[in-house]
Structures are given as structure tokens and as C-alpha cells.
Protein backbone atom coordinates (compact mmCIF):
# COMPACT_ATOMS: atom_id res chain seq x y z
CA MET A 1 -2.95 37.11 -6.38
CA LEU A 2 -4.63 37.62 -2.99
CA ARG A 3 -8.01 36.69 -4.43
CA TYR A 4 -6.50 33.56 -5.97
CA VAL A 5 -4.96 32.54 -2.63
CA LEU A 6 -8.23 33.13 -0.72
CA LYS A 7 -10.18 30.97 -3.17
CA ARG A 8 -7.65 28.19 -2.80
CA LEU A 9 -7.79 28.48 1.01
CA LEU A 10 -11.59 28.20 0.94
CA SER A 11 -11.31 25.11 -1.25
CA LEU A 12 -8.75 23.66 1.18
CA CYS A 13 -11.05 24.16 4.19
CA ILE A 14 -14.04 22.59 2.42
CA SER A 15 -11.92 19.62 1.35
CA LEU A 16 -10.71 19.08 4.92
CA ALA A 17 -14.26 19.23 6.31
CA VAL A 18 -15.52 16.66 3.80
CA ALA A 19 -12.47 14.45 4.33
CA SER A 20 -12.91 14.44 8.12
CA LEU A 21 -16.54 13.33 7.77
CA ILE A 22 -15.67 10.56 5.30
CA ILE A 23 -12.74 9.30 7.38
CA PHE A 24 -14.75 9.18 10.60
CA THR A 25 -17.73 7.50 8.93
CA VAL A 26 -15.69 4.84 7.12
CA ILE A 27 -13.60 3.93 10.17
CA GLU A 28 -16.53 3.92 12.59
CA VAL A 29 -18.65 1.59 10.44
CA ALA A 30 -15.79 -0.92 10.20
CA PRO A 31 -16.63 -4.16 12.04
CA GLY A 32 -15.21 -4.83 15.46
CA ASP A 33 -15.24 -3.09 18.82
CA PRO A 34 -11.93 -1.76 20.20
CA ALA A 35 -12.93 -2.54 23.79
CA SER A 36 -13.86 -6.13 22.91
CA PHE A 37 -10.61 -6.49 20.97
CA MET A 38 -8.56 -5.29 23.95
CA LEU A 39 -10.32 -7.42 26.59
CA GLY A 40 -10.95 -10.54 24.51
CA ILE A 41 -14.07 -12.52 23.78
CA ASN A 42 -14.45 -13.72 27.39
CA ALA A 43 -14.67 -10.24 28.92
CA GLN A 44 -17.47 -9.58 31.40
CA PRO A 45 -20.16 -7.12 30.24
CA GLU A 46 -19.49 -4.84 33.25
CA THR A 47 -15.77 -4.70 32.49
CA LEU A 48 -16.49 -4.11 28.81
CA ALA A 49 -18.89 -1.27 29.61
CA ALA A 50 -16.39 0.33 32.00
CA LEU A 51 -13.64 0.24 29.37
CA ARG A 52 -15.95 1.66 26.71
CA GLY A 53 -16.75 4.53 29.04
CA GLU A 54 -13.07 5.11 29.77
CA LEU A 55 -12.28 5.21 26.06
CA GLY A 56 -15.22 7.50 25.29
CA LEU A 57 -16.94 4.89 23.12
CA ASP A 58 -20.23 5.06 25.00
CA VAL A 59 -21.28 8.46 23.62
CA PRO A 60 -23.24 8.93 20.37
CA LYS A 61 -21.17 8.86 17.20
CA VAL A 62 -22.19 12.41 16.22
CA GLN A 63 -20.90 13.75 19.53
CA ARG A 64 -17.71 11.71 19.15
CA TYR A 65 -17.18 13.19 15.68
CA PHE A 66 -17.48 16.78 16.87
CA ASN A 67 -15.32 16.05 19.92
CA TRP A 68 -12.69 14.60 17.62
CA VAL A 69 -12.76 17.54 15.19
CA LEU A 70 -12.70 20.17 17.96
CA GLY A 71 -9.84 18.33 19.61
CA MET A 72 -7.80 18.34 16.40
CA LEU A 73 -8.43 22.06 15.93
CA THR A 74 -6.91 22.66 19.36
CA GLY A 75 -4.01 20.26 18.82
CA ASP A 76 -5.50 17.40 20.87
CA PHE A 77 -5.70 14.23 18.77
CA GLY A 78 -6.93 12.10 21.65
CA THR A 79 -5.30 9.20 23.49
CA SER A 80 -4.36 5.86 21.97
CA TYR A 81 -6.63 3.04 23.12
CA THR A 82 -3.78 0.52 22.99
CA TYR A 83 -0.76 2.43 24.29
CA ARG A 84 -2.64 4.93 26.50
CA THR A 85 -0.35 7.60 25.04
CA PRO A 86 -1.43 10.92 23.52
CA VAL A 87 -1.74 10.50 19.76
CA THR A 88 0.07 13.82 19.30
CA GLU A 89 3.23 12.38 20.88
CA MET A 90 3.02 9.23 18.77
CA VAL A 91 2.56 11.26 15.58
CA ALA A 92 5.40 13.64 16.45
CA ASP A 93 7.80 10.70 16.83
CA ARG A 94 6.72 9.07 13.58
CA ILE A 95 6.43 12.19 11.43
CA ALA A 96 10.09 12.95 12.16
CA VAL A 97 10.82 9.87 10.03
CA SER A 98 8.10 10.05 7.36
CA ILE A 99 8.54 13.66 6.22
CA PRO A 100 12.36 13.51 5.91
CA LEU A 101 12.01 10.20 4.06
CA ALA A 102 9.46 11.66 1.62
CA LEU A 103 11.58 14.79 1.06
CA TYR A 104 14.75 12.73 0.62
CA ALA A 105 13.06 10.50 -1.95
CA LEU A 106 11.54 13.48 -3.78
CA ILE A 107 14.88 15.30 -3.96
CA LEU A 108 16.56 12.18 -5.34
CA SER A 109 13.74 11.81 -7.88
CA ILE A 110 14.14 15.42 -9.06
CA ILE A 111 17.94 15.17 -9.20
CA ILE A 112 17.63 12.12 -11.46
CA ALA A 113 14.60 13.17 -13.53
CA PHE A 114 15.38 16.76 -14.50
CA PRO A 115 18.73 16.13 -16.22
CA ALA A 116 17.46 12.88 -17.75
CA GLY A 117 14.28 14.47 -19.10
CA ILE A 118 16.10 17.48 -20.53
CA PHE A 119 18.76 15.24 -22.06
CA ALA A 120 16.13 13.01 -23.70
CA ALA A 121 14.12 15.97 -25.06
CA SER A 122 17.20 17.64 -26.53
CA ARG A 123 18.13 14.40 -28.35
CA ARG A 124 14.73 13.29 -29.52
CA GLY A 125 14.89 10.16 -31.64
CA HIS A 126 18.59 9.60 -31.04
CA ALA A 127 20.29 6.84 -29.08
CA GLY A 128 20.41 8.91 -25.88
CA ASP A 129 16.66 9.51 -25.98
CA LEU A 130 15.92 5.85 -26.62
CA GLY A 131 18.23 4.81 -23.78
CA VAL A 132 16.60 7.17 -21.29
CA MET A 133 13.09 6.05 -22.30
CA GLY A 134 14.07 2.40 -21.97
CA ALA A 135 15.48 3.03 -18.49
CA THR A 136 12.32 4.85 -17.42
CA GLN A 137 10.16 1.99 -18.69
CA LEU A 138 12.18 -0.39 -16.53
CA GLY A 139 11.94 1.99 -13.55
CA VAL A 140 8.15 2.16 -13.81
CA ALA A 141 7.82 -1.63 -14.18
CA LEU A 142 9.96 -2.62 -11.17
CA PRO A 143 7.93 -3.04 -7.94
CA ASN A 144 9.52 -0.78 -5.33
CA PHE A 145 9.29 -3.41 -2.57
CA TRP A 146 11.26 -5.89 -4.72
CA PHE A 147 13.78 -3.19 -5.57
CA ALA A 148 14.00 -2.36 -1.84
CA MET A 149 14.87 -5.97 -1.01
CA MET A 150 17.53 -6.01 -3.76
CA LEU A 151 19.03 -2.83 -2.31
CA VAL A 152 19.19 -4.46 1.11
CA LEU A 153 20.76 -7.60 -0.33
CA VAL A 154 23.46 -5.70 -2.25
CA PHE A 155 24.24 -2.57 -0.24
CA ALA A 156 23.38 -3.71 3.29
CA ILE A 157 24.19 -7.43 3.44
CA LYS A 158 26.97 -7.84 0.85
CA LEU A 159 28.70 -4.45 0.75
CA ARG A 160 27.63 -3.31 4.24
CA TRP A 161 27.52 0.33 3.17
CA PHE A 162 24.11 1.04 4.72
CA PRO A 163 22.02 -0.48 7.52
CA ALA A 164 19.50 -3.12 6.47
CA GLY A 165 16.67 -1.57 8.46
CA GLY A 166 15.59 0.47 11.44
CA PHE A 167 16.19 4.13 12.14
CA ALA A 168 19.14 5.30 14.21
CA GLY A 169 17.45 8.56 15.27
CA TRP A 170 18.25 12.18 14.59
CA ASP A 171 19.92 12.48 17.99
CA LYS A 172 22.80 10.41 16.58
CA GLY A 173 23.51 13.12 14.01
CA LEU A 174 22.22 14.23 10.62
CA VAL A 175 24.59 11.97 8.66
CA THR A 176 23.61 8.90 10.67
CA GLY A 177 19.90 9.66 10.26
CA LEU A 178 20.20 10.20 6.50
CA THR A 179 22.27 7.03 6.18
CA SER A 180 19.40 5.07 7.75
CA LEU A 181 16.97 6.59 5.24
CA THR A 182 19.12 6.30 2.12
CA LEU A 183 18.10 2.83 0.94
CA PRO A 184 14.37 3.42 1.60
CA ALA A 185 14.60 6.79 -0.18
CA VAL A 186 16.30 5.25 -3.20
CA ALA A 187 13.68 2.49 -3.35
CA LEU A 188 10.91 5.11 -3.32
CA ALA A 189 12.67 7.53 -5.68
CA LEU A 190 13.41 5.18 -8.60
CA PRO A 191 9.85 4.69 -9.93
CA GLN A 192 8.99 8.33 -9.21
CA ALA A 193 12.08 9.51 -11.10
CA ALA A 194 11.10 7.35 -14.06
CA ILE A 195 7.62 8.90 -14.20
CA LEU A 196 8.93 12.43 -13.73
CA THR A 197 11.54 11.95 -16.47
CA ARG A 198 8.89 10.95 -18.98
CA VAL A 199 6.67 13.89 -18.03
CA MET A 200 9.60 16.33 -18.26
CA ARG A 201 10.56 15.01 -21.70
CA SER A 202 6.98 15.15 -22.98
CA ALA A 203 6.41 18.68 -21.65
CA LEU A 204 9.64 19.96 -23.19
CA LEU A 205 8.85 18.38 -26.56
CA ASP A 206 5.44 20.09 -26.55
CA VAL A 207 7.06 23.42 -25.79
CA LEU A 208 9.73 22.99 -28.49
CA GLY A 209 7.00 22.97 -31.12
CA GLU A 210 5.63 26.38 -30.11
CA ASP A 211 6.00 29.44 -32.35
CA TYR A 212 8.04 31.43 -29.86
CA MET A 213 10.57 28.62 -29.67
CA ARG A 214 10.97 28.61 -33.46
CA THR A 215 11.36 32.39 -33.35
CA ALA A 216 14.12 32.07 -30.77
CA ARG A 217 15.89 29.54 -32.99
CA ALA A 218 15.49 31.85 -35.98
CA LYS A 219 17.22 34.63 -34.03
CA GLY A 220 20.31 32.47 -33.78
CA LEU A 221 19.96 30.64 -30.47
CA THR A 222 21.04 27.02 -30.35
CA THR A 223 18.63 24.25 -29.36
CA ARG A 224 20.27 24.03 -25.95
CA GLN A 225 20.03 27.80 -25.36
CA THR A 226 16.41 27.89 -26.51
CA LEU A 227 15.57 24.97 -24.24
CA TRP A 228 17.14 26.50 -21.14
CA ARG A 229 16.13 30.15 -21.66
CA HIS A 230 12.58 29.76 -22.98
CA GLY A 231 11.46 26.16 -22.85
CA LEU A 232 12.10 24.98 -19.33
CA ARG A 233 9.95 27.49 -17.46
CA ASN A 234 7.00 27.03 -19.82
CA ALA A 235 7.21 23.27 -19.44
CA MET A 236 7.04 23.39 -15.64
CA ILE A 237 3.22 23.32 -15.20
CA PRO A 238 2.75 19.57 -15.84
CA VAL A 239 6.05 18.87 -14.08
CA LEU A 240 4.92 20.72 -10.94
CA THR A 241 1.67 18.73 -11.03
CA ILE A 242 3.58 15.46 -10.98
CA ILE A 243 5.98 16.66 -8.27
CA GLY A 244 3.02 17.60 -6.05
CA LEU A 245 1.35 14.24 -6.65
CA GLN A 246 4.61 12.41 -6.03
CA PHE A 247 5.25 14.11 -2.71
CA SER A 248 1.66 13.35 -1.69
CA PHE A 249 2.22 9.71 -2.59
CA LEU A 250 5.58 9.56 -0.83
CA PHE A 251 4.13 11.15 2.30
CA ALA A 252 0.98 9.03 2.41
CA GLY A 253 1.92 5.79 0.69
CA THR A 254 5.12 4.51 2.28
CA ILE A 255 3.54 1.70 4.32
CA ILE A 256 5.18 -1.12 2.34
CA ILE A 257 8.66 0.44 2.30
CA GLU A 258 8.45 1.24 6.01
CA GLN A 259 7.52 -2.37 6.66
CA VAL A 260 10.44 -3.66 4.55
CA PHE A 261 12.96 -1.46 6.36
CA TYR A 262 11.24 -1.51 9.80
CA LEU A 263 11.04 2.28 9.86
CA PRO A 264 8.96 3.82 12.66
CA GLY A 265 7.02 6.15 10.34
CA LEU A 266 3.38 7.16 9.91
CA GLY A 267 2.67 4.36 7.44
CA ARG A 268 3.78 1.68 9.88
CA LEU A 269 1.85 3.39 12.68
CA ILE A 270 -1.34 3.23 10.61
CA PHE A 271 -0.75 -0.44 9.85
CA GLN A 272 -0.15 -1.30 13.50
CA SER A 273 -3.15 0.74 14.66
CA ILE A 274 -5.49 -0.95 12.18
CA SER A 275 -4.28 -4.34 13.38
CA ALA A 276 -4.94 -3.34 17.01
CA ARG A 277 -8.32 -1.67 16.25
CA ASP A 278 -6.93 1.56 17.71
CA LEU A 279 -9.53 3.71 15.96
CA ILE A 280 -8.57 7.08 17.40
CA VAL A 281 -5.00 6.68 16.14
CA VAL A 282 -6.16 5.53 12.71
CA GLU A 283 -8.61 8.42 12.36
CA SER A 284 -6.16 11.06 13.53
CA VAL A 285 -3.16 9.85 11.53
CA VAL A 286 -5.19 9.39 8.33
CA MET A 287 -6.67 12.86 8.79
CA LEU A 288 -3.20 14.29 9.30
CA VAL A 289 -2.00 12.59 6.11
CA VAL A 290 -5.02 13.92 4.20
CA PHE A 291 -4.28 17.40 5.50
CA GLY A 292 -0.68 17.05 4.32
CA VAL A 293 -1.79 15.94 0.85
CA ILE A 294 -4.32 18.78 0.52
CA LEU A 295 -1.76 21.31 1.77
CA ILE A 296 0.76 20.07 -0.79
CA ASN A 297 -1.81 20.48 -3.57
CA PHE A 298 -2.52 24.01 -2.30
CA LEU A 299 1.18 24.87 -2.46
CA VAL A 300 1.38 23.40 -5.97
CA ASP A 301 -1.51 25.65 -7.03
CA LEU A 302 0.42 28.65 -5.71
CA ALA A 303 3.47 27.47 -7.62
CA TYR A 304 1.33 27.32 -10.78
CA ALA A 305 0.38 30.95 -10.33
CA ALA A 306 4.00 31.94 -9.73
CA VAL A 307 5.19 30.14 -12.87
CA ASP A 308 2.28 31.21 -15.11
CA PRO A 309 0.53 34.44 -13.94
CA ARG A 310 -2.22 33.88 -16.52
CA LEU A 311 -3.69 31.18 -14.27
CA ARG A 312 -4.61 33.77 -11.62
CA SER A 313 -7.20 35.37 -13.90
CA ARG A 314 -8.83 32.07 -14.85
CA THR A 315 -10.04 31.22 -11.33
């Protein structure tokens, strides 16, 4: 197991190094100069040069790349060009919204998908299975931003059960914070739950056709007992893959939902920073998101090995 973990750690480090180079290169070659954007088109060359020096934009790009990477390794993500605030402080404020939102949505997705997928697999071809599959098809087809607006219209404006947008803050209490995130989490969870339900059903149906499952049935176990005792664990590999991908998506891809609900998360910070040409914030936040996605995939790989020890000897 230790050898397996070390190989995965090496792969993680290489992926981060390559990602940092790609992120820096892509963002730096984008048109536009942050200093010119901040001062306007009528700025004097002397003033422009002074601001570029203050922002550290007058040094070669290679040196700026290594300064950026070394800073991140020591916990220094630089200073925002626009707000003149350390990026670390900005990220800390926003990540306290994005990670709980992603976890909340993932938990809701799992709570919906696991029972639905198991129910559909245990009643293959019956009305219950057809109903679940029809619901998942609808869940996949609905755009989450449209569903988010419908949630606001019904539960925030008409029923007034939840706030329509914004984030109250964790200092107001856990219940108040979760209440602010409930509608966004539901909007994110619905399509993910639909996908996860279909994967769970498919994985369980594949497992039900295995010889050891037929042997268990021949020994007198019911379909339900066979499914829970022998089928579920062996069906978890593809399910864990989807859960890892879903959390990565929820962590990195919530820009639209955060815009709909005016949530001060990482996605909205990236959007605002791109609009303001605040390159250091964009680079650092995107790199942090990439690190989170790669770390999630690393943890999913470890979960694979825990569920199926045979995988350890194949790598």
C-alpha cells in the first residue's frame, strides 16, 4: 500500500508542476496589460511604468513564474492588483463558501442517488425502475441555472422559506449559513444526483450478473440480501469515480450558480478577477482549484485501493 501511495504522490506532484506552467503561460499570453487597464488609455508612460514596477510586471516572465511558484510553496499567493489585498486573505474568505457549498451539494447528491440507484437496480424492468430512469433523464436535461432560478421563484419569493441570494456568513451560526447555501446546493445537486443514480444502477446490474452473485442466490439469499451483502461493495469502483469527478466539478465549476445567487465564492472571484485583468488573483485561484481537483482524484485513487485491494498490485 505504501508503494501505491508514493506512486500516486509522485503523479500528483508532476501534475501540479505541469498545471502551474500551463496556467501561467495561458494567462500571461492573454491580451491586455493590467497596469493599462487600471490607469486607462490616457495614462502617461511614466505613470504606467511606475505602476508596472510596483506590481512586479516589469521583470521577465520566467522570473515572474518562479517567483509565483516559490511564493505559493511558502503560502504567499501575492497581492491583488485591483484590491491591493493579499490573495491569501481573499481566497480564505471565498473558500469558506465554495467548499461547504460543494460538500453540501455532493452530500445531497449521494443521499438522493444511492437509494434511487439501488431501488432501480433491484426492480429492473419494472415500473419503479422506469420511473427512476425517467426522473434521472429529466434531471440531466434540466440546465442547473434555470432550475436555480425556479428554486428562487418558488422557495425564496413565493414561499419565503430560504433567502433569494447572498451569504449570511458562518458567524451568524451554522444553521443560518447552511440555509443560505441550501437553494444553491439543491440546484447543483439535482443533475449530479441524476448522473450518479444511473451509474449506481448500471454498476449494480453488472455485478448482479456475476457468478458469485448467482452462487449467493443459490445458497438461499434473497435478491435484496445478495445486493446489500455482496453487490454494493463490488459496484463501488465506478461510483467512486463519478463521486470524485462530481466533487471536482462542484468545487471548480460553480461560477454560474454563484452568479445567480450572488455568493462570494471562488467561482465569482475568478469571474471578477478576469473582468478586472487581475492576473495574479486569476493565476493563484485557478492553481488552487487545480490543486483541489488533483487532490480529490488522489483521494479517490486511495479509496479505490481500499475498496479493491487487487488494484494495488496493478500499479
